[in-house]
N, C-alpha and C. Protein backbone atom coordinates (compact mmCIF):
# COMPACT_ATOMS: atom_id res chain seq x y z
N MET A 1 -1.07 0.63 -1.59
CA MET A 1 -1.67 1.65 -2.42
C MET A 1 -2.59 0.96 -3.40
N SER A 2 -3.60 1.69 -3.84
CA SER A 2 -4.55 1.17 -4.82
C SER A 2 -4.95 2.30 -5.76
N ASN A 3 -5.62 1.90 -6.84
CA ASN A 3 -6.12 2.89 -7.80
C ASN A 3 -7.58 2.58 -8.10
N ARG A 4 -8.16 3.29 -9.05
CA ARG A 4 -9.59 3.11 -9.34
C ARG A 4 -9.92 1.71 -9.81
N SER A 5 -8.99 1.05 -10.49
CA SER A 5 -9.26 -0.30 -10.98
C SER A 5 -8.86 -1.36 -9.96
N MET A 6 -8.51 -0.92 -8.75
CA MET A 6 -8.17 -1.79 -7.62
C MET A 6 -6.89 -2.59 -7.85
N THR A 7 -5.97 -2.05 -8.64
CA THR A 7 -4.63 -2.63 -8.72
C THR A 7 -3.97 -2.37 -7.37
N LEU A 8 -3.23 -3.34 -6.86
CA LEU A 8 -2.62 -3.21 -5.55
C LEU A 8 -1.11 -3.08 -5.65
N TYR A 9 -0.54 -2.25 -4.78
CA TYR A 9 0.91 -2.07 -4.70
C TYR A 9 1.33 -2.27 -3.26
N THR A 10 2.36 -3.05 -3.04
CA THR A 10 2.89 -3.30 -1.70
C THR A 10 4.36 -2.90 -1.67
N GLY A 11 4.75 -2.18 -0.63
CA GLY A 11 6.15 -1.78 -0.51
C GLY A 11 6.52 -1.44 0.92
N VAL A 12 7.80 -1.13 1.13
CA VAL A 12 8.34 -0.79 2.44
C VAL A 12 8.96 0.60 2.34
N THR A 13 8.79 1.40 3.39
CA THR A 13 9.42 2.73 3.44
C THR A 13 9.71 3.10 4.88
N ASN A 14 10.63 4.04 5.06
CA ASN A 14 10.88 4.57 6.40
C ASN A 14 10.22 5.94 6.57
N ASP A 15 9.51 6.40 5.53
CA ASP A 15 8.82 7.70 5.59
C ASP A 15 7.52 7.58 4.78
N LEU A 16 6.46 7.17 5.44
CA LEU A 16 5.20 6.87 4.75
C LEU A 16 4.63 8.09 4.03
N ALA A 17 4.61 9.24 4.67
CA ALA A 17 4.03 10.43 4.04
C ALA A 17 4.78 10.79 2.75
N ARG A 18 6.11 10.75 2.79
CA ARG A 18 6.90 11.05 1.61
C ARG A 18 6.63 10.04 0.50
N ARG A 19 6.59 8.77 0.85
CA ARG A 19 6.39 7.72 -0.16
C ARG A 19 5.00 7.81 -0.78
N VAL A 20 3.98 8.08 0.01
CA VAL A 20 2.63 8.24 -0.53
C VAL A 20 2.60 9.41 -1.51
N ALA A 21 3.23 10.52 -1.14
CA ALA A 21 3.27 11.68 -2.03
C ALA A 21 3.97 11.33 -3.34
N GLN A 22 5.05 10.58 -3.28
CA GLN A 22 5.75 10.16 -4.50
C GLN A 22 4.84 9.32 -5.39
N HIS A 23 4.11 8.40 -4.79
CA HIS A 23 3.21 7.55 -5.57
C HIS A 23 2.07 8.36 -6.18
N LYS A 24 1.51 9.25 -5.41
CA LYS A 24 0.38 10.04 -5.91
C LYS A 24 0.78 11.00 -7.02
N HIS A 25 2.03 11.43 -7.02
CA HIS A 25 2.50 12.37 -8.04
C HIS A 25 3.26 11.69 -9.16
N GLY A 26 3.23 10.36 -9.19
CA GLY A 26 3.84 9.62 -10.29
C GLY A 26 5.35 9.66 -10.33
N ALA A 27 5.99 9.81 -9.18
CA ALA A 27 7.45 9.88 -9.14
C ALA A 27 8.12 8.50 -9.25
N CYS A 28 7.34 7.44 -9.20
CA CYS A 28 7.86 6.08 -9.27
C CYS A 28 7.34 5.43 -10.55
N ALA A 29 8.19 4.70 -11.23
CA ALA A 29 7.83 4.15 -12.55
C ALA A 29 6.56 3.30 -12.52
N PHE A 30 6.50 2.31 -11.64
CA PHE A 30 5.35 1.42 -11.60
C PHE A 30 4.08 2.17 -11.24
N THR A 31 4.17 3.00 -10.20
CA THR A 31 2.97 3.70 -9.75
C THR A 31 2.54 4.80 -10.71
N SER A 32 3.48 5.39 -11.45
CA SER A 32 3.06 6.39 -12.43
C SER A 32 2.30 5.74 -13.57
N ARG A 33 2.66 4.51 -13.89
CA ARG A 33 1.95 3.79 -14.96
C ARG A 33 0.52 3.46 -14.56
N TYR A 34 0.33 3.11 -13.28
CA TYR A 34 -0.99 2.66 -12.83
C TYR A 34 -1.77 3.71 -12.06
N HIS A 35 -1.22 4.89 -11.86
CA HIS A 35 -1.92 6.02 -11.23
C HIS A 35 -2.51 5.68 -9.86
N PHE A 36 -1.67 5.24 -8.96
CA PHE A 36 -2.13 4.94 -7.60
C PHE A 36 -2.50 6.24 -6.90
N ASP A 37 -3.67 6.25 -6.27
CA ASP A 37 -4.13 7.48 -5.64
C ASP A 37 -4.66 7.30 -4.23
N ARG A 38 -4.60 6.08 -3.70
CA ARG A 38 -5.14 5.84 -2.35
C ARG A 38 -4.24 4.92 -1.54
N LEU A 39 -3.98 5.32 -0.31
CA LEU A 39 -3.34 4.44 0.66
C LEU A 39 -4.48 3.72 1.37
N VAL A 40 -4.60 2.41 1.17
CA VAL A 40 -5.74 1.69 1.73
C VAL A 40 -5.36 0.77 2.89
N PHE A 41 -4.06 0.57 3.11
CA PHE A 41 -3.61 -0.29 4.20
C PHE A 41 -2.16 0.04 4.51
N TYR A 42 -1.82 0.04 5.79
CA TYR A 42 -0.42 0.14 6.18
C TYR A 42 -0.23 -0.44 7.56
N GLU A 43 0.98 -0.85 7.84
CA GLU A 43 1.38 -1.34 9.16
C GLU A 43 2.68 -0.64 9.52
N THR A 44 2.94 -0.51 10.81
CA THR A 44 4.20 0.06 11.26
C THR A 44 4.99 -1.01 12.02
N PHE A 45 6.30 -0.92 11.94
CA PHE A 45 7.19 -1.88 12.58
C PHE A 45 8.36 -1.14 13.21
N ASP A 46 8.89 -1.70 14.28
CA ASP A 46 10.07 -1.13 14.93
C ASP A 46 11.35 -1.49 14.18
N SER A 47 11.30 -2.58 13.44
CA SER A 47 12.49 -3.09 12.76
C SER A 47 12.27 -3.17 11.25
N ILE A 48 13.25 -2.75 10.47
CA ILE A 48 13.16 -2.87 9.02
C ILE A 48 13.06 -4.34 8.61
N LEU A 49 13.72 -5.21 9.35
CA LEU A 49 13.65 -6.64 9.02
C LEU A 49 12.23 -7.18 9.19
N ASP A 50 11.55 -6.72 10.24
CA ASP A 50 10.15 -7.12 10.43
C ASP A 50 9.27 -6.56 9.32
N ALA A 51 9.54 -5.34 8.90
CA ALA A 51 8.76 -4.72 7.82
C ALA A 51 8.95 -5.48 6.51
N ILE A 52 10.18 -5.84 6.21
CA ILE A 52 10.46 -6.59 4.98
C ILE A 52 9.81 -7.97 5.02
N ALA A 53 9.84 -8.61 6.18
CA ALA A 53 9.19 -9.92 6.32
C ALA A 53 7.68 -9.80 6.10
N ALA A 54 7.08 -8.75 6.64
CA ALA A 54 5.64 -8.54 6.45
C ALA A 54 5.33 -8.25 4.99
N GLU A 55 6.17 -7.45 4.34
CA GLU A 55 5.98 -7.16 2.91
C GLU A 55 6.02 -8.45 2.09
N LYS A 56 6.99 -9.30 2.37
CA LYS A 56 7.10 -10.57 1.64
C LYS A 56 5.89 -11.45 1.89
N ALA A 57 5.40 -11.46 3.13
CA ALA A 57 4.22 -12.27 3.46
C ALA A 57 3.00 -11.76 2.70
N ILE A 58 2.82 -10.45 2.64
CA ILE A 58 1.68 -9.88 1.92
C ILE A 58 1.81 -10.16 0.43
N LYS A 59 2.99 -9.97 -0.12
CA LYS A 59 3.20 -10.22 -1.55
C LYS A 59 2.97 -11.69 -1.90
N GLY A 60 3.13 -12.58 -0.93
CA GLY A 60 2.91 -14.01 -1.15
C GLY A 60 1.46 -14.43 -1.07
N LYS A 61 0.60 -13.53 -0.62
CA LYS A 61 -0.83 -13.85 -0.51
C LYS A 61 -1.51 -13.75 -1.87
N THR A 62 -2.61 -14.45 -1.99
CA THR A 62 -3.42 -14.32 -3.20
C THR A 62 -4.08 -12.94 -3.19
N ARG A 63 -4.54 -12.52 -4.34
CA ARG A 63 -5.25 -11.24 -4.44
C ARG A 63 -6.46 -11.22 -3.51
N ALA A 64 -7.19 -12.33 -3.46
CA ALA A 64 -8.37 -12.41 -2.60
C ALA A 64 -8.00 -12.21 -1.13
N LYS A 65 -6.89 -12.79 -0.70
CA LYS A 65 -6.47 -12.63 0.69
C LYS A 65 -5.99 -11.21 0.97
N LYS A 66 -5.35 -10.58 0.00
CA LYS A 66 -4.94 -9.19 0.17
C LYS A 66 -6.17 -8.29 0.32
N ILE A 67 -7.17 -8.53 -0.52
CA ILE A 67 -8.41 -7.74 -0.44
C ILE A 67 -9.10 -7.97 0.89
N ALA A 68 -9.13 -9.22 1.36
CA ALA A 68 -9.75 -9.52 2.66
C ALA A 68 -9.01 -8.80 3.78
N LEU A 69 -7.69 -8.74 3.71
CA LEU A 69 -6.90 -8.03 4.72
C LEU A 69 -7.24 -6.54 4.72
N ILE A 70 -7.31 -5.95 3.55
CA ILE A 70 -7.66 -4.53 3.45
C ILE A 70 -9.06 -4.30 3.99
N LYS A 71 -10.02 -5.11 3.55
CA LYS A 71 -11.41 -4.92 3.98
C LYS A 71 -11.60 -5.14 5.48
N SER A 72 -10.77 -5.97 6.09
CA SER A 72 -10.91 -6.22 7.53
C SER A 72 -10.59 -4.97 8.35
N LEU A 73 -9.74 -4.10 7.82
CA LEU A 73 -9.35 -2.89 8.53
C LEU A 73 -9.85 -1.61 7.89
N ASN A 74 -10.23 -1.68 6.62
CA ASN A 74 -10.65 -0.50 5.86
C ASN A 74 -11.73 -0.92 4.87
N PRO A 75 -12.93 -1.26 5.35
CA PRO A 75 -13.96 -1.85 4.49
C PRO A 75 -14.40 -0.98 3.32
N THR A 76 -14.27 0.33 3.43
CA THR A 76 -14.71 1.21 2.34
C THR A 76 -13.54 1.64 1.44
N TRP A 77 -12.36 1.12 1.69
CA TRP A 77 -11.15 1.47 0.92
C TRP A 77 -10.91 2.98 0.94
N ARG A 78 -11.18 3.59 2.10
CA ARG A 78 -10.94 5.03 2.28
C ARG A 78 -9.45 5.30 2.15
N ASP A 79 -9.10 6.47 1.63
CA ASP A 79 -7.69 6.86 1.51
C ASP A 79 -7.18 7.21 2.90
N LEU A 80 -6.32 6.37 3.45
CA LEU A 80 -5.82 6.56 4.80
C LEU A 80 -4.77 7.66 4.90
N SER A 81 -4.33 8.18 3.76
CA SER A 81 -3.37 9.28 3.79
C SER A 81 -4.06 10.63 3.87
N SER A 82 -5.38 10.65 3.75
CA SER A 82 -6.14 11.90 3.86
C SER A 82 -6.74 12.00 5.25
N PRO A 83 -6.74 13.22 5.82
CA PRO A 83 -7.29 13.38 7.19
C PRO A 83 -8.77 13.09 7.28
């Protein structure tokens, strides 16, 4: 998730639509503080362990590498949760 100032949030969920709605409506402490309004990147996994490993890998990247990852798949930072 991202916001207008390009703050980035990385997390794991088993229900992406529900989690995006929670973030957009400020139901989570961190995201309500930073007003996240766009889903700019996501991956799906068959295993929660694989998802957690990917989350840790992304969180371990520099900001520049996270931005490069997002831009490689979503160059305009379009909200992927909107049709």
